Amino acid sequence: MKREQELWELEKEFWRGDAEFYERTLADKALMVFPAPIGIMDRATAVGSIRSAARWRNVSFRDKHLLPAGQGAVVLAYCVQADRGGKDSRYAAHCSSVYTRGDGGWHLVLHQQTPSHEGRAGT
């Protein structure tokens, strides 16, 4: 599978995937940065929150950018529109993610979201 396609599929799975996916794919020292009131989550907190959160059902990316960031590292930047299936669950944000390639494939090191005016804020 092409590297770019593989990374975008991983990114989409972080929106829809379960806690087991997060455990397999988050880097050991990963951080996730969300709008207030959530703030910064470490790996353990992020995995724990996924266990109890409703997952996103419909996810689409636009304005996608992939930037090589040195040996075995990549930055993704994009706009997302997502919902959890309910009419009041729409969310739009500007996002960035940093991945590193190591044993076992790509691992998410850092993810950040800034809500946009295109949708209602949520997590």
N, C-alpha and C. Protein backbone atom coordinates (compact mmCIF):
# COMPACT_ATOMS: atom_id res chain seq x y z
N MET A 1 0.85 -1.18 0.00
CA MET A 1 0.00 0.00 0.00
C MET A 1 0.89 1.24 0.00
N LYS A 2 0.54 2.20 -0.78
CA LYS A 2 1.29 3.44 -0.85
C LYS A 2 1.31 4.14 0.51
N ARG A 3 2.44 4.75 0.84
CA ARG A 3 2.60 5.39 2.14
C ARG A 3 1.51 6.43 2.41
N GLU A 4 1.26 7.30 1.44
CA GLU A 4 0.27 8.36 1.66
C GLU A 4 -1.11 7.79 1.94
N GLN A 5 -1.53 6.81 1.14
CA GLN A 5 -2.84 6.18 1.34
C GLN A 5 -2.91 5.49 2.70
N GLU A 6 -1.84 4.80 3.06
CA GLU A 6 -1.79 4.12 4.35
C GLU A 6 -1.96 5.10 5.51
N LEU A 7 -1.28 6.24 5.44
CA LEU A 7 -1.36 7.23 6.52
C LEU A 7 -2.75 7.85 6.62
N TRP A 8 -3.37 8.17 5.48
CA TRP A 8 -4.72 8.75 5.54
C TRP A 8 -5.73 7.73 6.05
N GLU A 9 -5.54 6.46 5.72
CA GLU A 9 -6.44 5.43 6.27
C GLU A 9 -6.26 5.28 7.77
N LEU A 10 -5.02 5.34 8.24
CA LEU A 10 -4.77 5.32 9.69
C LEU A 10 -5.44 6.50 10.36
N GLU A 11 -5.29 7.68 9.77
CA GLU A 11 -5.87 8.89 10.36
C GLU A 11 -7.39 8.75 10.47
N LYS A 12 -8.03 8.24 9.43
CA LYS A 12 -9.48 8.08 9.47
C LYS A 12 -9.87 7.05 10.55
N GLU A 13 -9.05 6.04 10.72
CA GLU A 13 -9.36 5.03 11.74
C GLU A 13 -9.24 5.61 13.15
N PHE A 14 -8.38 6.62 13.35
CA PHE A 14 -8.33 7.27 14.66
C PHE A 14 -9.65 7.96 14.97
N TRP A 15 -10.37 8.39 13.98
CA TRP A 15 -11.69 8.99 14.20
C TRP A 15 -12.74 7.94 14.48
N ARG A 16 -12.64 6.78 13.87
CA ARG A 16 -13.70 5.76 13.97
C ARG A 16 -13.34 4.55 14.81
N GLY A 17 -12.06 4.35 15.07
CA GLY A 17 -11.59 3.12 15.69
C GLY A 17 -11.87 2.99 17.17
N ASP A 18 -11.65 1.79 17.66
CA ASP A 18 -11.90 1.47 19.07
C ASP A 18 -10.62 1.60 19.88
N ALA A 19 -10.73 1.34 21.17
CA ALA A 19 -9.60 1.48 22.08
C ALA A 19 -8.46 0.54 21.72
N GLU A 20 -8.78 -0.64 21.22
CA GLU A 20 -7.72 -1.58 20.84
C GLU A 20 -6.89 -1.02 19.69
N PHE A 21 -7.54 -0.36 18.73
CA PHE A 21 -6.80 0.30 17.65
C PHE A 21 -5.87 1.36 18.23
N TYR A 22 -6.38 2.17 19.15
CA TYR A 22 -5.55 3.21 19.79
C TYR A 22 -4.36 2.58 20.51
N GLU A 23 -4.59 1.50 21.23
CA GLU A 23 -3.50 0.85 21.95
C GLU A 23 -2.40 0.35 21.01
N ARG A 24 -2.81 -0.15 19.85
CA ARG A 24 -1.85 -0.66 18.86
C ARG A 24 -1.10 0.45 18.14
N THR A 25 -1.74 1.61 17.94
CA THR A 25 -1.23 2.58 16.98
C THR A 25 -0.73 3.88 17.60
N LEU A 26 -1.10 4.19 18.83
CA LEU A 26 -0.54 5.37 19.49
C LEU A 26 0.89 5.10 19.94
N ALA A 27 1.77 6.05 19.74
CA ALA A 27 3.13 5.95 20.25
C ALA A 27 3.10 5.94 21.78
N ASP A 28 4.14 5.39 22.37
CA ASP A 28 4.20 5.27 23.84
C ASP A 28 4.03 6.62 24.55
N LYS A 29 4.58 7.67 24.02
CA LYS A 29 4.53 9.00 24.65
C LYS A 29 3.59 9.95 23.89
N ALA A 30 2.58 9.42 23.23
CA ALA A 30 1.67 10.22 22.41
C ALA A 30 0.90 11.24 23.23
N LEU A 31 0.59 12.36 22.57
CA LEU A 31 -0.27 13.39 23.15
C LEU A 31 -1.37 13.72 22.15
N MET A 32 -2.55 14.04 22.67
CA MET A 32 -3.66 14.47 21.85
C MET A 32 -4.15 15.80 22.43
N VAL A 33 -4.28 16.82 21.58
CA VAL A 33 -4.61 18.17 22.02
C VAL A 33 -5.98 18.55 21.47
N PHE A 34 -6.95 18.71 22.39
CA PHE A 34 -8.32 19.00 22.03
C PHE A 34 -8.73 20.37 22.57
N PRO A 35 -9.80 20.93 22.00
CA PRO A 35 -10.31 22.21 22.50
C PRO A 35 -10.79 22.07 23.95
N ALA A 36 -10.86 23.20 24.64
CA ALA A 36 -11.40 23.22 26.01
C ALA A 36 -12.82 22.69 25.98
N PRO A 37 -13.23 21.98 26.96
CA PRO A 37 -12.59 21.81 28.26
C PRO A 37 -11.67 20.60 28.35
N ILE A 38 -11.46 19.87 27.25
CA ILE A 38 -10.67 18.64 27.32
C ILE A 38 -9.20 18.92 27.50
N GLY A 39 -8.60 19.68 26.60
CA GLY A 39 -7.19 20.02 26.71
C GLY A 39 -6.27 18.91 26.22
N ILE A 40 -5.15 18.74 26.89
CA ILE A 40 -4.12 17.80 26.46
C ILE A 40 -4.32 16.46 27.16
N MET A 41 -4.33 15.39 26.36
CA MET A 41 -4.46 14.03 26.89
C MET A 41 -3.18 13.25 26.59
N ASP A 42 -2.71 12.49 27.57
CA ASP A 42 -1.62 11.58 27.31
C ASP A 42 -2.20 10.28 26.73
N ARG A 43 -1.34 9.35 26.42
CA ARG A 43 -1.75 8.11 25.79
C ARG A 43 -2.79 7.35 26.61
N ALA A 44 -2.52 7.15 27.88
CA ALA A 44 -3.43 6.37 28.74
C ALA A 44 -4.80 7.04 28.84
N THR A 45 -4.83 8.35 28.98
CA THR A 45 -6.09 9.07 29.08
C THR A 45 -6.88 8.98 27.77
N ALA A 46 -6.18 9.11 26.65
CA ALA A 46 -6.83 9.03 25.34
C ALA A 46 -7.45 7.65 25.14
N VAL A 47 -6.70 6.60 25.42
CA VAL A 47 -7.22 5.24 25.25
C VAL A 47 -8.42 5.03 26.17
N GLY A 48 -8.33 5.47 27.41
CA GLY A 48 -9.44 5.33 28.34
C GLY A 48 -10.69 6.07 27.89
N SER A 49 -10.52 7.25 27.32
CA SER A 49 -11.68 8.02 26.88
C SER A 49 -12.38 7.37 25.69
N ILE A 50 -11.63 6.70 24.86
CA ILE A 50 -12.22 6.02 23.69
C ILE A 50 -13.09 4.85 24.14
N ARG A 51 -12.74 4.21 25.22
CA ARG A 51 -13.53 3.08 25.72
C ARG A 51 -14.97 3.48 26.06
N SER A 52 -15.17 4.73 26.47
CA SER A 52 -16.51 5.14 26.90
C SER A 52 -17.18 6.15 25.95
N ALA A 53 -16.50 6.57 24.90
CA ALA A 53 -17.05 7.60 24.01
C ALA A 53 -17.75 6.99 22.80
N ALA A 54 -18.81 7.64 22.36
CA ALA A 54 -19.44 7.27 21.10
C ALA A 54 -18.46 7.62 19.98
N ARG A 55 -18.25 6.72 19.06
CA ARG A 55 -17.28 6.95 17.99
C ARG A 55 -17.93 7.69 16.83
N TRP A 56 -17.10 8.35 16.04
CA TRP A 56 -17.57 9.05 14.86
C TRP A 56 -17.96 8.03 13.80
N ARG A 57 -19.08 8.25 13.13
CA ARG A 57 -19.54 7.33 12.08
C ARG A 57 -19.15 7.81 10.70
N ASN A 58 -19.45 9.05 10.40
CA ASN A 58 -19.18 9.61 9.07
C ASN A 58 -18.05 10.61 9.20
N VAL A 59 -16.98 10.36 8.48
CA VAL A 59 -15.78 11.20 8.58
C VAL A 59 -15.29 11.49 7.16
N SER A 60 -15.08 12.77 6.86
CA SER A 60 -14.50 13.11 5.56
C SER A 60 -13.44 14.19 5.74
N PHE A 61 -12.36 14.04 4.97
CA PHE A 61 -11.25 14.98 5.01
C PHE A 61 -11.23 15.81 3.72
N ARG A 62 -10.79 17.05 3.85
CA ARG A 62 -10.54 17.89 2.67
C ARG A 62 -9.32 18.76 2.96
N ASP A 63 -8.82 19.41 1.94
CA ASP A 63 -7.61 20.25 2.06
C ASP A 63 -6.49 19.46 2.74
N LYS A 64 -6.27 18.25 2.25
CA LYS A 64 -5.29 17.35 2.86
C LYS A 64 -3.87 17.71 2.43
N HIS A 65 -2.98 17.71 3.43
CA HIS A 65 -1.56 17.95 3.19
C HIS A 65 -0.76 16.89 3.93
N LEU A 66 0.28 16.39 3.27
CA LEU A 66 1.21 15.46 3.88
C LEU A 66 2.59 16.06 3.73
N LEU A 67 3.27 16.22 4.86
CA LEU A 67 4.58 16.86 4.87
C LEU A 67 5.61 15.93 5.49
N PRO A 68 6.60 15.46 4.72
CA PRO A 68 7.68 14.68 5.33
C PRO A 68 8.38 15.54 6.38
N ALA A 69 8.68 14.94 7.53
CA ALA A 69 9.27 15.69 8.63
C ALA A 69 10.54 15.03 9.15
N GLY A 70 11.39 14.62 8.24
CA GLY A 70 12.63 13.97 8.62
C GLY A 70 12.55 12.47 8.42
N GLN A 71 13.61 11.80 8.82
CA GLN A 71 13.71 10.36 8.66
C GLN A 71 12.60 9.64 9.42
N GLY A 72 11.66 9.02 8.71
CA GLY A 72 10.62 8.22 9.34
C GLY A 72 9.56 9.00 10.07
N ALA A 73 9.35 10.28 9.71
CA ALA A 73 8.31 11.08 10.36
C ALA A 73 7.51 11.83 9.30
N VAL A 74 6.21 11.98 9.56
CA VAL A 74 5.31 12.64 8.62
C VAL A 74 4.30 13.47 9.40
N VAL A 75 3.94 14.63 8.85
CA VAL A 75 2.88 15.47 9.40
C VAL A 75 1.70 15.46 8.43
N LEU A 76 0.51 15.22 8.95
CA LEU A 76 -0.72 15.36 8.18
C LEU A 76 -1.44 16.60 8.68
N ALA A 77 -1.97 17.40 7.76
CA ALA A 77 -2.80 18.55 8.12
C ALA A 77 -4.02 18.52 7.20
N TYR A 78 -5.19 18.81 7.77
CA TYR A 78 -6.41 18.69 6.98
C TYR A 78 -7.58 19.34 7.71
N CYS A 79 -8.69 19.44 7.00
CA CYS A 79 -9.97 19.84 7.58
C CYS A 79 -10.84 18.59 7.64
N VAL A 80 -11.56 18.43 8.72
CA VAL A 80 -12.43 17.27 8.88
C VAL A 80 -13.87 17.73 9.08
N GLN A 81 -14.78 16.93 8.55
CA GLN A 81 -16.19 17.04 8.87
C GLN A 81 -16.61 15.65 9.31
N ALA A 82 -17.25 15.58 10.48
CA ALA A 82 -17.61 14.29 11.05
C ALA A 82 -18.92 14.39 11.79
N ASP A 83 -19.56 13.24 11.98
CA ASP A 83 -20.74 13.18 12.84
C ASP A 83 -20.82 11.79 13.44
N ARG A 84 -21.61 11.71 14.49
CA ARG A 84 -21.77 10.44 15.20
C ARG A 84 -23.09 9.76 14.83
N GLY A 85 -23.75 10.23 13.79
CA GLY A 85 -24.98 9.62 13.34
C GLY A 85 -26.23 10.37 13.72
N GLY A 86 -26.14 11.23 14.71
CA GLY A 86 -27.29 12.03 15.14
C GLY A 86 -27.26 13.40 14.48
N LYS A 87 -28.44 14.03 14.39
CA LYS A 87 -28.47 15.32 13.69
C LYS A 87 -27.74 16.43 14.43
N ASP A 88 -27.56 16.30 15.73
CA ASP A 88 -26.85 17.32 16.50
C ASP A 88 -25.40 16.94 16.80
N SER A 89 -24.85 15.99 16.06
CA SER A 89 -23.50 15.51 16.35
C SER A 89 -22.46 15.97 15.33
N ARG A 90 -22.81 16.93 14.49
CA ARG A 90 -21.86 17.39 13.48
C ARG A 90 -20.68 18.12 14.12
N TYR A 91 -19.50 17.93 13.52
CA TYR A 91 -18.28 18.54 14.02
C TYR A 91 -17.38 18.85 12.84
N ALA A 92 -16.77 20.00 12.84
CA ALA A 92 -15.80 20.37 11.82
C ALA A 92 -14.59 20.98 12.52
N ALA A 93 -13.41 20.64 12.03
CA ALA A 93 -12.19 21.14 12.67
C ALA A 93 -11.03 21.15 11.68
N HIS A 94 -10.02 21.93 12.03
CA HIS A 94 -8.72 21.91 11.36
C HIS A 94 -7.84 21.02 12.24
N CYS A 95 -7.17 20.06 11.63
CA CYS A 95 -6.42 19.07 12.41
C CYS A 95 -5.01 18.90 11.89
N SER A 96 -4.15 18.45 12.78
CA SER A 96 -2.81 18.04 12.38
C SER A 96 -2.42 16.82 13.21
N SER A 97 -1.66 15.95 12.59
CA SER A 97 -1.17 14.74 13.25
C SER A 97 0.27 14.49 12.84
N VAL A 98 1.06 13.99 13.76
CA VAL A 98 2.45 13.63 13.50
C VAL A 98 2.59 12.13 13.71
N TYR A 99 3.14 11.46 12.72
CA TYR A 99 3.38 10.02 12.77
C TYR A 99 4.87 9.75 12.65
N THR A 100 5.32 8.70 13.34
CA THR A 100 6.68 8.20 13.16
C THR A 100 6.60 6.74 12.75
N ARG A 101 7.57 6.32 11.98
CA ARG A 101 7.62 4.93 11.54
C ARG A 101 8.64 4.19 12.39
N GLY A 102 8.20 3.09 12.98
CA GLY A 102 9.08 2.29 13.81
C GLY A 102 8.72 0.83 13.67
N ASP A 103 9.14 0.05 14.63
CA ASP A 103 8.79 -1.37 14.63
C ASP A 103 7.28 -1.51 14.61
N GLY A 104 6.76 -2.28 13.69
CA GLY A 104 5.34 -2.51 13.63
C GLY A 104 4.58 -1.49 12.80
N GLY A 105 5.27 -0.55 12.16
CA GLY A 105 4.59 0.39 11.28
C GLY A 105 4.53 1.80 11.82
N TRP A 106 3.52 2.54 11.37
CA TRP A 106 3.34 3.93 11.74
C TRP A 106 2.66 4.05 13.11
N HIS A 107 3.09 5.04 13.89
CA HIS A 107 2.51 5.31 15.20
C HIS A 107 2.23 6.80 15.33
N LEU A 108 1.06 7.13 15.85
CA LEU A 108 0.68 8.52 16.05
C LEU A 108 1.38 9.06 17.29
N VAL A 109 2.10 10.15 17.12
CA VAL A 109 2.85 10.79 18.21
C VAL A 109 2.06 11.97 18.78
N LEU A 110 1.43 12.76 17.88
CA LEU A 110 0.74 13.97 18.31
C LEU A 110 -0.45 14.21 17.38
N HIS A 111 -1.60 14.53 17.98
CA HIS A 111 -2.78 14.93 17.21
C HIS A 111 -3.35 16.18 17.85
N GLN A 112 -3.78 17.14 17.01
CA GLN A 112 -4.31 18.41 17.48
C GLN A 112 -5.55 18.77 16.67
N GLN A 113 -6.57 19.33 17.34
CA GLN A 113 -7.80 19.77 16.68
C GLN A 113 -8.14 21.21 17.08
N THR A 114 -8.53 21.99 16.08
CA THR A 114 -9.07 23.33 16.31
C THR A 114 -10.44 23.38 15.64
N PRO A 115 -11.52 23.50 16.40
CA PRO A 115 -12.84 23.54 15.77
C PRO A 115 -12.94 24.68 14.77
N SER A 116 -13.67 24.42 13.69
CA SER A 116 -13.89 25.47 12.69
C SER A 116 -15.36 25.90 12.77
N HIS A 117 -15.69 26.93 12.06
CA HIS A 117 -17.05 27.46 12.08
C HIS A 117 -17.99 26.66 11.20
N GLU A 118 -17.49 25.61 10.56
CA GLU A 118 -18.30 24.82 9.64
C GLU A 118 -19.19 23.82 10.35
N GLY A 119 -18.98 23.60 11.61
CA GLY A 119 -19.77 22.61 12.34
C GLY A 119 -19.80 22.95 13.81
N ARG A 120 -20.54 22.19 14.53
CA ARG A 120 -20.67 22.39 15.96
C ARG A 120 -19.51 21.72 16.67
N ALA A 121 -18.94 22.35 17.68
CA ALA A 121 -17.80 21.79 18.40
C ALA A 121 -18.20 20.56 19.18
N GLY A 122 -17.31 19.61 19.26
CA GLY A 122 -17.49 18.38 20.01
C GLY A 122 -16.17 17.68 20.14
N THR A 123 -16.15 16.52 20.74
CA THR A 123 -14.90 15.79 20.87
C THR A 123 -14.97 14.49 20.15
